[in-house]
Amino acid sequence: MKLLGSITNLPGLRGLKQLLRRLCSLMFLSQLACPLLAMISLAISTTLGNNDVPSSVPSNNIDQVDKGFANHNLDQVDKGFVSHDIEEDEFWRTCPSRPADPKLGAKDIRRCPSGLKCSDLGLDCLDCTCDYNCTYGQPSFAKCVASDKVDCTGEKNFTREFRCSYCYLTDSTKHSCTSNKNINHPCSSAGSKLSNKHWYVASCNVSRDLICLGSPTFSKRRECNWTEGYSWKTALALSVTLGGFGADRFYLGHWQEGIGKLFSFGGLGVWTLVDVVLVAIRYIGPADGSLYI
């Protein structure tokens, strides 16, 4: 016992104990400041989020930018592309449509109900031609004819109103897109929204019964929106309470940073404070790039 006591009282070990005590005190003090720092970060983030310039959120404004461009240029492009000497009737072209069954490569009239009024049938049962000389954004009309093989009532030749617009510029709620987080590069939903990794290119189609111009199938830039079940509230709580030990980093799957944080006493408290801010504003997300739930 005397030997053990003499060892613990060695000058080197005594200095090491004092250093560890000071490091733990520094980490503890930084952890105490975390709740206040988290609240300030949340308040600032909320304020900036409400006053964001539209261009800072590309996902909500891509369509608007495209529409603004097309609004001024669609007529000029169309009229420049088509010779002025062509007769007006040649502006009428077949309206784009998708087959009911992509494997068939054509319209499947077997899906057409019988006994309905011809003008109430879906585009799968009709052959329509659209006026490509229409004014963008304004009402236009398509000439439609019900197939002879379809059993419907009323006139088989009629017109159907639609809004003059290319398919990819129509309302995004009318689009169905195939989400694939592994196109070209991993799709990361964490980090800056201005980063290329925060977006991916999806293959989209318009609603089957929507009349529009151009191809009904197109590519569209979409924001990553997948999740693996990580909770932002849990990550923030761990950062505020046990961030000095790297608990927030371990929870989110950032193992290397978590180990570094643990053995550096939260980066002498600085790393702890920085991570609280980054987690609070959702800049740091799950290591797999997914969204918080």
Protein backbone atom coordinates (compact mmCIF):
# COMPACT_ATOMS: atom_id res chain seq x y z
CA MET A 1 0.00 0.00 0.00
CA LYS A 2 2.85 2.36 0.80
CA LEU A 3 4.42 1.55 -2.57
CA LEU A 4 1.14 2.32 -4.39
CA GLY A 5 0.74 5.58 -2.52
CA SER A 6 4.27 6.63 -3.33
CA ILE A 7 3.68 5.87 -7.05
CA THR A 8 0.52 7.96 -7.22
CA ASN A 9 2.34 10.84 -5.54
CA LEU A 10 5.08 10.96 -8.18
CA PRO A 11 5.46 14.47 -9.67
CA GLY A 12 4.77 13.24 -13.25
CA LEU A 13 1.54 11.44 -12.33
CA ARG A 14 0.44 14.33 -10.17
CA GLY A 15 0.84 16.68 -13.13
CA LEU A 16 -1.03 14.25 -15.40
CA LYS A 17 -3.93 14.12 -12.94
CA GLN A 18 -4.09 17.90 -12.84
CA LEU A 19 -4.04 18.05 -16.67
CA LEU A 20 -6.84 15.50 -16.97
CA ARG A 21 -8.85 17.37 -14.35
CA ARG A 22 -8.47 20.63 -16.27
CA LEU A 23 -9.39 19.00 -19.58
CA CYS A 24 -12.49 17.44 -18.06
CA SER A 25 -13.43 20.79 -16.52
CA LEU A 26 -13.01 22.50 -19.89
CA MET A 27 -15.16 19.87 -21.61
CA PHE A 28 -17.79 20.16 -18.87
CA LEU A 29 -17.92 23.95 -19.18
CA SER A 30 -18.29 23.75 -22.96
CA GLN A 31 -21.08 21.21 -22.53
CA LEU A 32 -22.89 23.60 -20.17
CA ALA A 33 -22.81 26.28 -22.87
CA CYS A 34 -24.26 23.91 -25.49
CA PRO A 35 -28.01 24.37 -24.70
CA LEU A 36 -27.77 28.15 -25.03
CA LEU A 37 -25.73 27.88 -28.21
CA ALA A 38 -28.20 25.38 -29.67
CA MET A 39 -31.16 27.71 -28.99
CA ILE A 40 -29.35 30.66 -30.58
CA SER A 41 -28.48 28.56 -33.65
CA LEU A 42 -32.08 27.38 -34.00
CA ALA A 43 -33.41 30.93 -33.74
CA ILE A 44 -30.98 32.23 -36.36
CA SER A 45 -31.60 29.27 -38.65
CA THR A 46 -35.37 29.75 -38.42
CA THR A 47 -35.09 33.47 -39.12
CA LEU A 48 -32.84 32.95 -42.14
CA GLY A 49 -35.08 30.15 -43.38
CA ASN A 50 -38.12 32.44 -43.39
CA ASN A 51 -36.25 35.18 -45.23
CA ASP A 52 -34.38 33.05 -47.78
CA VAL A 53 -33.94 34.40 -51.28
CA PRO A 54 -35.86 32.08 -53.63
CA SER A 55 -32.68 31.10 -55.45
CA SER A 56 -31.32 29.56 -52.23
CA VAL A 57 -33.89 26.76 -52.45
CA PRO A 58 -33.52 25.40 -55.98
CA SER A 59 -36.03 22.55 -55.57
CA ASN A 60 -38.97 24.91 -55.15
CA ASN A 61 -38.02 27.29 -57.91
CA ILE A 62 -36.61 25.27 -60.81
CA ASP A 63 -40.02 25.04 -62.41
CA GLN A 64 -40.66 28.76 -61.87
CA VAL A 65 -37.34 29.71 -63.46
CA ASP A 66 -38.05 27.44 -66.41
CA LYS A 67 -41.54 28.85 -66.77
CA GLY A 68 -40.22 32.39 -66.64
CA PHE A 69 -37.74 31.59 -69.39
CA ALA A 70 -40.30 29.78 -71.51
CA ASN A 71 -42.89 32.50 -71.04
CA HIS A 72 -40.75 34.89 -73.04
CA ASN A 73 -39.21 32.50 -75.50
CA LEU A 74 -41.57 29.64 -76.37
CA ASP A 75 -43.38 31.46 -79.16
CA GLN A 76 -40.15 32.85 -80.60
CA VAL A 77 -38.44 29.44 -80.50
CA ASP A 78 -41.38 27.67 -82.11
CA LYS A 79 -41.84 30.31 -84.75
CA GLY A 80 -38.13 30.40 -85.46
CA PHE A 81 -37.94 26.63 -85.71
CA VAL A 82 -40.90 26.33 -88.08
CA SER A 83 -40.62 28.09 -91.40
CA HIS A 84 -42.97 31.02 -91.86
CA ASP A 85 -43.91 29.60 -95.26
CA ILE A 86 -45.51 26.48 -93.78
CA GLU A 87 -49.26 26.43 -93.80
CA GLU A 88 -50.99 27.04 -90.48
CA ASP A 89 -52.47 23.51 -90.46
CA GLU A 90 -48.99 22.06 -90.23
CA PHE A 91 -48.64 23.51 -86.73
CA TRP A 92 -51.04 20.79 -85.64
CA ARG A 93 -49.14 17.72 -84.52
CA THR A 94 -49.99 14.58 -82.60
CA CYS A 95 -50.28 15.26 -78.88
CA PRO A 96 -47.71 13.28 -76.90
CA SER A 97 -49.11 10.43 -74.82
CA ARG A 98 -47.82 7.47 -72.86
CA PRO A 99 -49.05 3.93 -73.51
CA ALA A 100 -51.16 2.36 -70.78
CA ASP A 101 -48.72 -0.53 -70.74
CA PRO A 102 -45.11 0.53 -71.56
CA LYS A 103 -44.32 -3.04 -72.62
CA LEU A 104 -46.87 -2.86 -75.42
CA GLY A 105 -45.40 0.30 -76.86
CA ALA A 106 -48.84 1.54 -77.94
CA LYS A 107 -52.20 2.54 -76.51
CA ASP A 108 -54.14 -0.31 -74.95
CA ILE A 109 -57.82 0.27 -75.81
CA ARG A 110 -58.77 -2.73 -73.71
CA ARG A 111 -58.58 -0.38 -70.73
CA CYS A 112 -61.22 1.92 -72.24
CA PRO A 113 -64.62 1.65 -70.51
CA SER A 114 -67.71 1.22 -72.66
CA GLY A 115 -70.88 3.28 -72.53
CA LEU A 116 -69.19 6.54 -71.55
CA LYS A 117 -69.53 9.78 -73.45
CA CYS A 118 -66.71 9.98 -75.98
CA SER A 119 -65.56 13.38 -74.70
CA ASP A 120 -65.18 11.92 -71.17
CA LEU A 121 -62.73 9.20 -72.21
CA GLY A 122 -59.10 9.27 -71.16
CA LEU A 123 -56.25 9.97 -73.55
CA ASP A 124 -55.51 6.24 -73.75
CA CYS A 125 -58.73 5.89 -75.75
CA LEU A 126 -58.29 8.95 -77.97
CA ASP A 127 -56.14 10.21 -80.82
CA CYS A 128 -55.49 13.91 -80.29
CA THR A 129 -53.60 16.56 -82.22
CA CYS A 130 -52.33 19.75 -80.56
CA ASP A 131 -51.74 23.26 -81.86
CA TYR A 132 -48.01 23.95 -81.40
CA ASN A 133 -48.56 27.55 -82.45
CA CYS A 134 -50.39 28.38 -79.21
CA THR A 135 -49.38 31.11 -76.77
CA TYR A 136 -47.52 29.78 -73.74
CA GLY A 137 -49.59 29.71 -70.58
CA GLN A 138 -52.85 30.48 -72.40
CA PRO A 139 -55.79 28.12 -72.99
CA SER A 140 -55.59 26.12 -76.20
CA PHE A 141 -57.54 23.30 -77.80
CA ALA A 142 -56.67 19.83 -78.99
CA LYS A 143 -58.63 18.01 -81.69
CA CYS A 144 -59.51 14.54 -80.44
CA VAL A 145 -61.05 11.51 -82.10
CA ALA A 146 -62.27 8.40 -80.30
CA SER A 147 -61.02 5.14 -81.76
CA ASP A 148 -63.49 3.15 -83.83
CA LYS A 149 -62.84 0.18 -81.57
CA VAL A 150 -64.02 2.10 -78.50
CA ASP A 151 -67.68 1.83 -77.54
CA CYS A 152 -68.73 5.34 -76.50
CA THR A 153 -71.71 7.64 -76.97
CA GLY A 154 -71.99 11.07 -78.57
CA GLU A 155 -69.72 12.73 -81.09
CA LYS A 156 -66.47 10.92 -81.68
CA ASN A 157 -64.83 14.10 -82.99
CA PHE A 158 -64.51 16.88 -80.40
CA THR A 159 -62.08 19.40 -78.96
CA ARG A 160 -60.52 19.34 -75.52
CA GLU A 161 -59.11 22.39 -73.78
CA PHE A 162 -55.60 22.36 -72.31
CA ARG A 163 -53.02 24.85 -71.11
CA CYS A 164 -50.34 25.62 -73.67
CA SER A 165 -47.14 24.31 -72.11
CA TYR A 166 -44.41 21.80 -72.70
CA CYS A 167 -44.78 18.69 -70.56
CA TYR A 168 -41.68 19.29 -68.46
CA LEU A 169 -42.94 22.80 -67.59
CA THR A 170 -46.34 21.68 -66.31
CA ASP A 171 -47.30 21.62 -62.64
CA SER A 172 -44.84 19.41 -60.74
CA THR A 173 -47.75 17.78 -58.90
CA LYS A 174 -48.68 16.22 -62.24
CA HIS A 175 -45.27 14.54 -62.53
CA SER A 176 -44.39 11.02 -61.43
CA CYS A 177 -40.65 10.52 -61.08
CA THR A 178 -38.51 7.48 -60.53
CA SER A 179 -36.33 8.12 -57.50
CA ASN A 180 -32.89 6.59 -57.64
CA LYS A 181 -30.34 7.72 -55.10
CA ASN A 182 -27.48 6.03 -56.97
CA ILE A 183 -27.58 7.95 -60.28
CA ASN A 184 -24.09 9.10 -61.33
CA HIS A 185 -23.03 9.68 -57.72
CA PRO A 186 -24.35 9.00 -54.20
CA CYS A 187 -27.29 11.24 -53.42
CA SER A 188 -26.66 13.05 -50.14
CA SER A 189 -29.52 14.80 -48.38
CA ALA A 190 -27.21 16.26 -45.73
CA GLY A 191 -25.02 19.32 -46.12
CA SER A 192 -25.46 22.41 -48.23
CA LYS A 193 -28.39 22.49 -50.64
CA LEU A 194 -26.13 24.19 -53.15
CA SER A 195 -23.91 21.11 -53.33
CA ASN A 196 -24.28 18.90 -56.41
CA LYS A 197 -24.51 15.86 -54.16
CA HIS A 198 -27.74 17.25 -52.72
CA TRP A 199 -29.48 16.68 -56.06
CA TYR A 200 -29.98 13.88 -58.55
CA VAL A 201 -31.47 13.49 -62.02
CA ALA A 202 -34.71 11.51 -62.08
CA SER A 203 -36.73 10.16 -64.99
CA CYS A 204 -40.20 11.69 -64.91
CA ASN A 205 -43.53 11.29 -66.71
CA VAL A 206 -46.56 13.55 -66.78
CA SER A 207 -49.99 12.36 -65.70
CA ARG A 208 -51.48 10.03 -68.30
CA ASP A 209 -54.51 12.24 -68.95
CA LEU A 210 -52.64 15.55 -69.13
CA ILE A 211 -52.43 17.16 -72.57
CA CYS A 212 -49.16 19.01 -73.10
CA LEU A 213 -46.54 19.65 -75.78
CA GLY A 214 -43.26 17.89 -76.34
CA SER A 215 -42.19 14.59 -74.84
CA PRO A 216 -44.24 13.23 -71.91
CA THR A 217 -41.05 11.63 -70.55
CA PHE A 218 -38.19 13.86 -69.45
CA SER A 219 -35.37 14.22 -66.95
CA LYS A 220 -35.75 16.44 -63.94
CA ARG A 221 -33.37 17.66 -61.25
CA ARG A 222 -34.75 16.66 -57.86
CA GLU A 223 -33.70 17.12 -54.27
CA CYS A 224 -32.56 14.07 -52.33
CA ASN A 225 -35.35 13.02 -49.99
CA TRP A 226 -34.57 9.55 -48.67
CA THR A 227 -34.21 8.59 -45.01
CA GLU A 228 -32.93 5.69 -42.94
CA GLY A 229 -34.73 6.63 -39.71
CA TYR A 230 -32.22 8.92 -37.97
CA SER A 231 -33.92 11.45 -35.69
CA TRP A 232 -32.74 15.06 -35.69
CA LYS A 233 -34.13 15.61 -32.18
CA THR A 234 -32.13 12.66 -30.87
CA ALA A 235 -28.96 13.87 -32.58
CA LEU A 236 -29.41 17.38 -31.14
CA ALA A 237 -30.13 16.03 -27.64
CA LEU A 238 -26.97 13.88 -27.75
CA SER A 239 -24.94 16.83 -29.02
CA VAL A 240 -26.19 19.09 -26.22
CA THR A 241 -25.75 16.56 -23.40
CA LEU A 242 -22.98 14.15 -24.44
CA GLY A 243 -21.40 15.88 -27.40
CA GLY A 244 -18.05 16.12 -25.65
CA PHE A 245 -17.83 12.34 -25.69
CA GLY A 246 -18.71 12.18 -29.42
CA ALA A 247 -22.15 10.64 -28.78
CA ASP A 248 -23.79 12.72 -31.53
CA ARG A 249 -21.17 11.69 -34.08
CA PHE A 250 -21.41 8.02 -33.08
CA TYR A 251 -25.22 8.14 -33.40
CA LEU A 252 -25.07 9.61 -36.90
CA GLY A 253 -22.50 7.05 -38.05
CA HIS A 254 -19.47 9.36 -38.14
CA TRP A 255 -17.27 6.91 -36.23
CA GLN A 256 -13.90 8.44 -37.00
CA GLU A 257 -14.99 11.90 -35.91
CA GLY A 258 -16.64 10.40 -32.82
CA ILE A 259 -13.43 8.67 -31.75
CA GLY A 260 -11.42 11.81 -32.41
CA LYS A 261 -13.89 13.86 -30.41
CA LEU A 262 -13.84 11.39 -27.52
CA PHE A 263 -10.07 11.24 -27.10
CA SER A 264 -9.55 14.98 -27.63
CA PHE A 265 -12.05 15.88 -24.88
CA GLY A 266 -14.42 17.34 -27.41
CA GLY A 267 -11.59 19.12 -29.23
CA LEU A 268 -10.84 20.95 -25.96
CA GLY A 269 -14.47 22.02 -25.95
CA VAL A 270 -14.30 23.85 -29.29
CA TRP A 271 -15.37 20.82 -31.36
CA THR A 272 -18.28 20.26 -28.98
CA LEU A 273 -19.57 23.81 -29.47
CA VAL A 274 -19.10 23.73 -33.24
CA ASP A 275 -20.96 20.43 -33.61
CA VAL A 276 -23.91 21.73 -31.58
CA VAL A 277 -24.32 24.56 -34.09
CA LEU A 278 -23.92 22.28 -37.12
CA VAL A 279 -26.39 19.70 -35.81
CA ALA A 280 -28.88 22.41 -34.80
CA ILE A 281 -28.96 23.91 -38.31
CA ARG A 282 -28.99 20.37 -39.80
CA TYR A 283 -25.72 20.88 -41.65
CA ILE A 284 -24.40 17.66 -40.17
CA GLY A 285 -26.63 14.73 -41.07
CA PRO A 286 -26.41 10.94 -41.07
CA ALA A 287 -23.18 9.54 -42.50
CA ASP A 288 -25.10 7.65 -45.20
CA GLY A 289 -26.39 10.94 -46.62
CA SER A 290 -30.03 10.33 -45.73
CA LEU A 291 -32.55 12.81 -44.33
CA TYR A 292 -33.57 13.09 -40.71
CA ILE A 293 -37.05 11.81 -39.87
